[in-house]
Amino acid sequence: MANVPGAEKKVTAGICGILLGGFGVHKFILGYTKEGIIQILLSFCCGIGGIIGLIEGIIYLTKSDEDFVNTYITNKKGWF
Protein backbone atom coordinates (compact mmCIF):
# COMPACT_ATOMS: atom_id res chain seq x y z
CA MET A 1 0.00 0.00 0.00
CA ALA A 2 1.34 3.41 -0.94
CA ASN A 3 1.81 6.21 1.54
CA VAL A 4 -1.37 8.00 0.52
CA PRO A 5 -3.17 9.55 3.52
CA GLY A 6 -6.58 7.89 3.84
CA ALA A 7 -5.61 4.75 1.89
CA GLU A 8 -5.48 2.72 5.10
CA LYS A 9 -9.30 2.70 5.09
CA LYS A 10 -9.51 1.06 1.66
CA VAL A 11 -8.99 -2.58 2.67
CA THR A 12 -11.05 -2.30 5.86
CA ALA A 13 -13.97 -0.62 4.07
CA GLY A 14 -13.74 -3.05 1.16
CA ILE A 15 -13.80 -6.18 3.29
CA CYS A 16 -16.57 -4.81 5.51
CA GLY A 17 -18.55 -3.89 2.40
CA ILE A 18 -18.30 -7.45 1.13
CA LEU A 19 -18.95 -9.21 4.44
CA LEU A 20 -21.17 -6.74 6.33
CA GLY A 21 -22.53 -4.60 3.51
CA GLY A 22 -26.13 -4.91 4.56
CA PHE A 23 -25.34 -3.18 7.83
CA GLY A 24 -23.58 -0.26 6.11
CA VAL A 25 -20.41 -0.76 8.15
CA HIS A 26 -18.21 0.28 5.22
CA LYS A 27 -20.13 3.58 4.98
CA PHE A 28 -19.55 4.34 8.66
CA ILE A 29 -15.83 3.52 8.30
CA LEU A 30 -15.58 6.17 5.57
CA GLY A 31 -17.55 8.68 7.65
CA TYR A 32 -20.77 8.54 5.63
CA THR A 33 -23.32 8.34 8.45
CA LYS A 34 -26.37 9.30 6.38
CA GLU A 35 -25.51 6.77 3.67
CA GLY A 36 -24.87 4.09 6.31
CA ILE A 37 -28.31 4.59 7.81
CA ILE A 38 -29.90 4.47 4.34
CA GLN A 39 -28.02 1.22 3.66
CA ILE A 40 -29.37 -0.33 6.87
CA LEU A 41 -32.90 0.73 5.95
CA LEU A 42 -32.52 -0.69 2.43
CA SER A 43 -31.46 -4.00 3.95
CA PHE A 44 -34.41 -4.21 6.31
CA CYS A 45 -37.04 -2.85 3.90
CA CYS A 46 -36.22 -4.51 0.61
CA GLY A 47 -33.10 -6.60 1.13
CA ILE A 48 -30.84 -4.89 -1.43
CA GLY A 49 -28.44 -3.31 1.06
CA GLY A 50 -26.23 -6.40 1.09
CA ILE A 51 -25.96 -6.44 -2.69
CA ILE A 52 -25.00 -2.77 -2.74
CA GLY A 53 -22.39 -3.42 -0.05
CA LEU A 54 -20.93 -6.34 -2.00
CA ILE A 55 -20.62 -4.25 -5.17
CA GLU A 56 -19.11 -1.30 -3.32
CA GLY A 57 -16.65 -3.51 -1.45
CA ILE A 58 -15.37 -4.93 -4.72
CA ILE A 59 -15.12 -1.45 -6.23
CA TYR A 60 -13.13 -0.19 -3.22
CA LEU A 61 -10.68 -3.07 -3.38
CA THR A 62 -10.07 -2.81 -7.13
CA LYS A 63 -9.27 0.92 -7.13
CA SER A 64 -5.71 2.15 -6.73
CA ASP A 65 -4.92 3.82 -3.40
CA GLU A 66 -4.73 7.23 -5.06
CA ASP A 67 -8.04 6.78 -6.90
CA PHE A 68 -9.77 5.48 -3.75
CA VAL A 69 -8.60 8.44 -1.67
CA ASN A 70 -9.47 10.94 -4.41
CA THR A 71 -12.95 9.48 -4.91
CA TYR A 72 -14.11 8.55 -1.40
CA ILE A 73 -11.98 10.54 1.04
CA THR A 74 -11.29 13.82 -0.78
CA ASN A 75 -14.40 14.17 -2.98
CA LYS A 76 -16.77 12.34 -0.59
CA LYS A 77 -18.59 10.24 -3.20
CA GLY A 78 -21.17 8.46 -1.06
CA TRP A 79 -22.45 5.82 -3.47
CA PHE A 80 -20.61 3.51 -5.84
C-alpha atoms as a PDB file:
ATOM      1  CA  MET A   1       0.000   0.000   0.000  1.00  0.00           C
ATOM      2  CA  ALA A   2       1.341   3.406  -0.936  1.00  0.00           C
ATOM      3  CA  ASN A   3       1.809   6.207   1.539  1.00  0.00           C
ATOM      4  CA  VAL A   4      -1.371   7.999   0.518  1.00  0.00           C
ATOM      5  CA  PRO A   5      -3.171   9.551   3.518  1.00  0.00           C
ATOM      6  CA  GLY A   6      -6.577   7.892   3.845  1.00  0.00           C
ATOM      7  CA  ALA A   7      -5.612   4.754   1.887  1.00  0.00           C
ATOM      8  CA  GLU A   8      -5.483   2.724   5.099  1.00  0.00           C
ATOM      9  CA  LYS A   9      -9.305   2.700   5.089  1.00  0.00           C
ATOM     10  CA  LYS A  10      -9.514   1.056   1.656  1.00  0.00           C
ATOM     11  CA  VAL A  11      -8.990  -2.584   2.669  1.00  0.00           C
ATOM     12  CA  THR A  12     -11.051  -2.297   5.857  1.00  0.00           C
ATOM     13  CA  ALA A  13     -13.965  -0.622   4.075  1.00  0.00           C
ATOM     14  CA  GLY A  14     -13.742  -3.050   1.161  1.00  0.00           C
ATOM     15  CA  ILE A  15     -13.797  -6.180   3.289  1.00  0.00           C
ATOM     16  CA  CYS A  16     -16.566  -4.814   5.510  1.00  0.00           C
ATOM     17  CA  GLY A  17     -18.550  -3.889   2.401  1.00  0.00           C
ATOM     18  CA  ILE A  18     -18.301  -7.454   1.126  1.00  0.00           C
ATOM     19  CA  LEU A  19     -18.946  -9.209   4.443  1.00  0.00           C
ATOM     20  CA  LEU A  20     -21.171  -6.741   6.328  1.00  0.00           C
ATOM     21  CA  GLY A  21     -22.529  -4.598   3.509  1.00  0.00           C
ATOM     22  CA  GLY A  22     -26.131  -4.908   4.563  1.00  0.00           C
ATOM     23  CA  PHE A  23     -25.339  -3.177   7.829  1.00  0.00           C
ATOM     24  CA  GLY A  24     -23.584  -0.256   6.115  1.00  0.00           C
ATOM     25  CA  VAL A  25     -20.407  -0.764   8.153  1.00  0.00           C
ATOM     26  CA  HIS A  26     -18.208   0.284   5.220  1.00  0.00           C
ATOM     27  CA  LYS A  27     -20.130   3.580   4.983  1.00  0.00           C
ATOM     28  CA  PHE A  28     -19.550   4.341   8.659  1.00  0.00           C
ATOM     29  CA  ILE A  29     -15.827   3.520   8.297  1.00  0.00           C
ATOM     30  CA  LEU A  30     -15.581   6.168   5.568  1.00  0.00           C
ATOM     31  CA  GLY A  31     -17.550   8.683   7.645  1.00  0.00           C
ATOM     32  CA  TYR A  32     -20.775   8.542   5.630  1.00  0.00           C
ATOM     33  CA  THR A  33     -23.317   8.339   8.451  1.00  0.00           C
ATOM     34  CA  LYS A  34     -26.370   9.305   6.383  1.00  0.00           C
ATOM     35  CA  GLU A  35     -25.514   6.773   3.670  1.00  0.00           C
ATOM     36  CA  GLY A  36     -24.869   4.094   6.307  1.00  0.00           C
ATOM     37  CA  ILE A  37     -28.313   4.595   7.810  1.00  0.00           C
ATOM     38  CA  ILE A  38     -29.898   4.473   4.342  1.00  0.00           C
ATOM     39  CA  GLN A  39     -28.022   1.220   3.658  1.00  0.00           C
ATOM     40  CA  ILE A  40     -29.375  -0.330   6.865  1.00  0.00           C
ATOM     41  CA  LEU A  41     -32.905   0.733   5.951  1.00  0.00           C
ATOM     42  CA  LEU A  42     -32.523  -0.689   2.432  1.00  0.00           C
ATOM     43  CA  SER A  43     -31.464  -4.004   3.950  1.00  0.00           C
ATOM     44  CA  PHE A  44     -34.410  -4.212   6.309  1.00  0.00           C
ATOM     45  CA  CYS A  45     -37.039  -2.846   3.903  1.00  0.00           C
ATOM     46  CA  CYS A  46     -36.220  -4.514   0.610  1.00  0.00           C
ATOM     47  CA  GLY A  47     -33.101  -6.597   1.127  1.00  0.00           C
ATOM     48  CA  ILE A  48     -30.843  -4.893  -1.433  1.00  0.00           C
ATOM     49  CA  GLY A  49     -28.439  -3.306   1.057  1.00  0.00           C
ATOM     50  CA  GLY A  50     -26.233  -6.400   1.090  1.00  0.00           C
ATOM     51  CA  ILE A  51     -25.959  -6.441  -2.695  1.00  0.00           C
ATOM     52  CA  ILE A  52     -24.999  -2.771  -2.744  1.00  0.00           C
ATOM     53  CA  GLY A  53     -22.385  -3.420  -0.047  1.00  0.00           C
ATOM     54  CA  LEU A  54     -20.925  -6.337  -2.004  1.00  0.00           C
ATOM     55  CA  ILE A  55     -20.619  -4.250  -5.168  1.00  0.00           C
ATOM     56  CA  GLU A  56     -19.111  -1.295  -3.321  1.00  0.00           C
ATOM     57  CA  GLY A  57     -16.645  -3.513  -1.449  1.00  0.00           C
ATOM     58  CA  ILE A  58     -15.370  -4.935  -4.722  1.00  0.00           C
ATOM     59  CA  ILE A  59     -15.124  -1.451  -6.226  1.00  0.00           C
ATOM     60  CA  TYR A  60     -13.134  -0.189  -3.223  1.00  0.00           C
ATOM     61  CA  LEU A  61     -10.676  -3.069  -3.381  1.00  0.00           C
ATOM     62  CA  THR A  62     -10.073  -2.806  -7.128  1.00  0.00           C
ATOM     63  CA  LYS A  63      -9.274   0.921  -7.126  1.00  0.00           C
ATOM     64  CA  SER A  64      -5.712   2.152  -6.727  1.00  0.00           C
ATOM     65  CA  ASP A  65      -4.923   3.816  -3.399  1.00  0.00           C
ATOM     66  CA  GLU A  66      -4.733   7.230  -5.062  1.00  0.00           C
ATOM     67  CA  ASP A  67      -8.038   6.777  -6.904  1.00  0.00           C
ATOM     68  CA  PHE A  68      -9.767   5.480  -3.755  1.00  0.00           C
ATOM     69  CA  VAL A  69      -8.596   8.444  -1.671  1.00  0.00           C
ATOM     70  CA  ASN A  70      -9.474  10.941  -4.406  1.00  0.00           C
ATOM     71  CA  THR A  71     -12.951   9.485  -4.908  1.00  0.00           C
ATOM     72  CA  TYR A  72     -14.107   8.551  -1.403  1.00  0.00           C
ATOM     73  CA  ILE A  73     -11.977  10.541   1.045  1.00  0.00           C
ATOM     74  CA  THR A  74     -11.290  13.822  -0.780  1.00  0.00           C
ATOM     75  CA  ASN A  75     -14.401  14.167  -2.977  1.00  0.00           C
ATOM     76  CA  LYS A  76     -16.769  12.339  -0.589  1.00  0.00           C
ATOM     77  CA  LYS A  77     -18.588  10.240  -3.201  1.00  0.00           C
ATOM     78  CA  GLY A  78     -21.171   8.459  -1.056  1.00  0.00           C
ATOM     79  CA  TRP A  79     -22.453   5.819  -3.470  1.00  0.00           C
ATOM     80  CA  PHE A  80     -20.614   3.513  -5.842  1.00  0.00           C
END
